[in-house]
Structures are given as C-alpha cells and as structure tokens.
Amino acid sequence: MIEERLRALAERLRESYDPQYADTMIEEVNAGEPEVALEILLAQLDDDEVRVDPGLVDEMESLGKLLELSPQRWEVLRERTRRNP
C-alpha cells in the first residue's frame, strides 16, 4: 500500500534528516493526500538543497511513479547526490 510505504519513508527520513520533513509528510498521508505528501517532501528537500541518500531517492522515485508525479523533483535530488558524493 502506498500510504504504508510513505510512512516508512518518513521514518527513514526522521532518522537521518530534519524531522520536519517526516512530520509534514505524515500529516498529509493521514489526511488522505499521498500525492501531496510526496510533492511537498520533494519540494522541501529541493528548496533546502538537501543531499539525499541515493536509496531514499530510489524510493521517492518509485513512489512518485506509482502516484504519477512529474519526475522533475526526484531527478533534481538525484543529480545533486551525483554532483556531491
């Protein structure tokens, strides 16, 4: 289930990144807005210029494809990760 995967992603983010990302995501998932949850997360990480672990970007991409989101956001995160090993 997508919501369960988003919650798991939020917990992974909570462990290694600012917990605000996870908190915002969980609020949207709980409100029944999984697409909004992932869109906001991707926008926040991009805006804050966060270098995200490639495994997390893989999961965001997989979820984004399932939710039929534009690949632009996770591609930016992936490119930032490649540029800053």
C-alpha atoms as a PDB file:
ATOM      1  CA  MET A   1       0.000   0.000   0.000  1.00  0.00           C
ATOM      2  CA  ILE A   2       1.361   3.410  -0.969  1.00  0.00           C
ATOM      3  CA  GLU A   3       0.455   5.055   2.344  1.00  0.00           C
ATOM      4  CA  GLU A   4       2.443   2.432   4.254  1.00  0.00           C
ATOM      5  CA  ARG A   5       5.462   2.982   2.018  1.00  0.00           C
ATOM      6  CA  LEU A   6       5.187   6.746   2.514  1.00  0.00           C
ATOM      7  CA  ARG A   7       5.062   6.273   6.290  1.00  0.00           C
ATOM      8  CA  ALA A   8       8.128   4.021   6.126  1.00  0.00           C
ATOM      9  CA  LEU A   9       9.911   6.639   4.024  1.00  0.00           C
ATOM     10  CA  ALA A  10       9.000   9.289   6.581  1.00  0.00           C
ATOM     11  CA  GLU A  11      10.530   7.183   9.359  1.00  0.00           C
ATOM     12  CA  ARG A  12      13.724   6.732   7.369  1.00  0.00           C
ATOM     13  CA  LEU A  13      13.880  10.494   6.869  1.00  0.00           C
ATOM     14  CA  ARG A  14      13.249  11.111  10.576  1.00  0.00           C
ATOM     15  CA  GLU A  15      16.312   9.010  11.453  1.00  0.00           C
ATOM     16  CA  SER A  16      18.817  10.934   9.323  1.00  0.00           C
ATOM     17  CA  TYR A  17      17.313  14.292   8.358  1.00  0.00           C
ATOM     18  CA  ASP A  18      15.352  17.124   9.910  1.00  0.00           C
ATOM     19  CA  PRO A  19      12.203  15.572  11.437  1.00  0.00           C
ATOM     20  CA  GLN A  20      10.068  18.354   9.938  1.00  0.00           C
ATOM     21  CA  TYR A  21      10.181  16.531   6.603  1.00  0.00           C
ATOM     22  CA  ALA A  22       8.701  13.389   8.145  1.00  0.00           C
ATOM     23  CA  ASP A  23       6.152  15.317  10.210  1.00  0.00           C
ATOM     24  CA  THR A  24       4.780  17.208   7.222  1.00  0.00           C
ATOM     25  CA  MET A  25       4.649  14.053   5.149  1.00  0.00           C
ATOM     26  CA  ILE A  26       2.774  12.078   7.796  1.00  0.00           C
ATOM     27  CA  GLU A  27       0.224  14.894   8.217  1.00  0.00           C
ATOM     28  CA  GLU A  28      -0.618  14.772   4.517  1.00  0.00           C
ATOM     29  CA  VAL A  29      -0.694  10.973   4.373  1.00  0.00           C
ATOM     30  CA  ASN A  30      -3.034  10.905   7.386  1.00  0.00           C
ATOM     31  CA  ALA A  31      -5.247  13.451   5.610  1.00  0.00           C
ATOM     32  CA  GLY A  32      -5.573  11.056   2.674  1.00  0.00           C
ATOM     33  CA  GLU A  33      -3.290  13.064   0.395  1.00  0.00           C
ATOM     34  CA  PRO A  34      -0.392  10.762  -0.558  1.00  0.00           C
ATOM     35  CA  GLU A  35       0.395  12.676  -3.745  1.00  0.00           C
ATOM     36  CA  VAL A  36       0.528  15.966  -1.844  1.00  0.00           C
ATOM     37  CA  ALA A  37       2.716  14.348   0.840  1.00  0.00           C
ATOM     38  CA  LEU A  38       5.353  13.299  -1.665  1.00  0.00           C
ATOM     39  CA  GLU A  39       5.149  16.523  -3.698  1.00  0.00           C
ATOM     40  CA  ILE A  40       5.699  18.619  -0.580  1.00  0.00           C
ATOM     41  CA  LEU A  41       8.565  16.423   0.570  1.00  0.00           C
ATOM     42  CA  LEU A  42      10.321  16.614  -2.777  1.00  0.00           C
ATOM     43  CA  ALA A  43       9.830  20.385  -2.934  1.00  0.00           C
ATOM     44  CA  GLN A  44      11.146  20.889   0.606  1.00  0.00           C
ATOM     45  CA  LEU A  45      14.241  18.772   0.005  1.00  0.00           C
ATOM     46  CA  ASP A  46      14.910  20.608  -3.242  1.00  0.00           C
ATOM     47  CA  ASP A  47      14.314  24.066  -1.761  1.00  0.00           C
ATOM     48  CA  ASP A  48      16.562  23.286   1.210  1.00  0.00           C
ATOM     49  CA  GLU A  49      19.198  21.837  -1.151  1.00  0.00           C
ATOM     50  CA  VAL A  50      19.389  18.642   0.890  1.00  0.00           C
ATOM     51  CA  ARG A  51      21.725  15.939  -0.362  1.00  0.00           C
ATOM     52  CA  VAL A  52      19.646  12.791  -0.030  1.00  0.00           C
ATOM     53  CA  ASP A  53      20.936   9.227   0.192  1.00  0.00           C
ATOM     54  CA  PRO A  54      20.594   7.500  -3.212  1.00  0.00           C
ATOM     55  CA  GLY A  55      18.492   4.705  -1.690  1.00  0.00           C
ATOM     56  CA  LEU A  56      15.961   7.253  -0.443  1.00  0.00           C
ATOM     57  CA  VAL A  57      15.862   8.918  -3.845  1.00  0.00           C
ATOM     58  CA  ASP A  58      15.188   5.492  -5.376  1.00  0.00           C
ATOM     59  CA  GLU A  59      12.202   5.012  -3.061  1.00  0.00           C
ATOM     60  CA  MET A  60      10.916   8.535  -3.762  1.00  0.00           C
ATOM     61  CA  GLU A  61      11.186   7.866  -7.493  1.00  0.00           C
ATOM     62  CA  SER A  62       9.356   4.558  -7.181  1.00  0.00           C
ATOM     63  CA  LEU A  63       6.556   6.148  -5.156  1.00  0.00           C
ATOM     64  CA  GLY A  64       6.434   9.139  -7.477  1.00  0.00           C
ATOM     65  CA  LYS A  65       5.933   6.882 -10.467  1.00  0.00           C
ATOM     66  CA  LEU A  66       3.147   4.988  -8.697  1.00  0.00           C
ATOM     67  CA  LEU A  67       1.480   8.305  -7.861  1.00  0.00           C
ATOM     68  CA  GLU A  68       2.064   9.540 -11.433  1.00  0.00           C
ATOM     69  CA  LEU A  69       4.013  12.615 -10.360  1.00  0.00           C
ATOM     70  CA  SER A  70       6.364  14.541 -12.610  1.00  0.00           C
ATOM     71  CA  PRO A  71       9.910  13.132 -12.416  1.00  0.00           C
ATOM     72  CA  GLN A  72      11.456  16.603 -12.258  1.00  0.00           C
ATOM     73  CA  ARG A  73      11.689  16.748  -8.442  1.00  0.00           C
ATOM     74  CA  TRP A  74      13.394  13.442  -7.805  1.00  0.00           C
ATOM     75  CA  GLU A  75      15.669  13.927 -10.809  1.00  0.00           C
ATOM     76  CA  VAL A  76      16.933  17.158  -9.218  1.00  0.00           C
ATOM     77  CA  LEU A  77      17.621  15.323  -5.951  1.00  0.00           C
ATOM     78  CA  ARG A  78      19.379  12.501  -7.773  1.00  0.00           C
ATOM     79  CA  GLU A  79      21.549  14.935  -9.746  1.00  0.00           C
ATOM     80  CA  ARG A  80      22.517  16.779  -6.559  1.00  0.00           C
ATOM     81  CA  THR A  81      23.546  13.475  -4.988  1.00  0.00           C
ATOM     82  CA  ARG A  82      25.697  12.610  -8.016  1.00  0.00           C
ATOM     83  CA  ARG A  83      27.399  16.031  -8.007  1.00  0.00           C
ATOM     84  CA  ASN A  84      28.207  15.882  -4.279  1.00  0.00           C
ATOM     85  CA  PRO A  85      29.401  12.368  -3.455  1.00  0.00           C
END
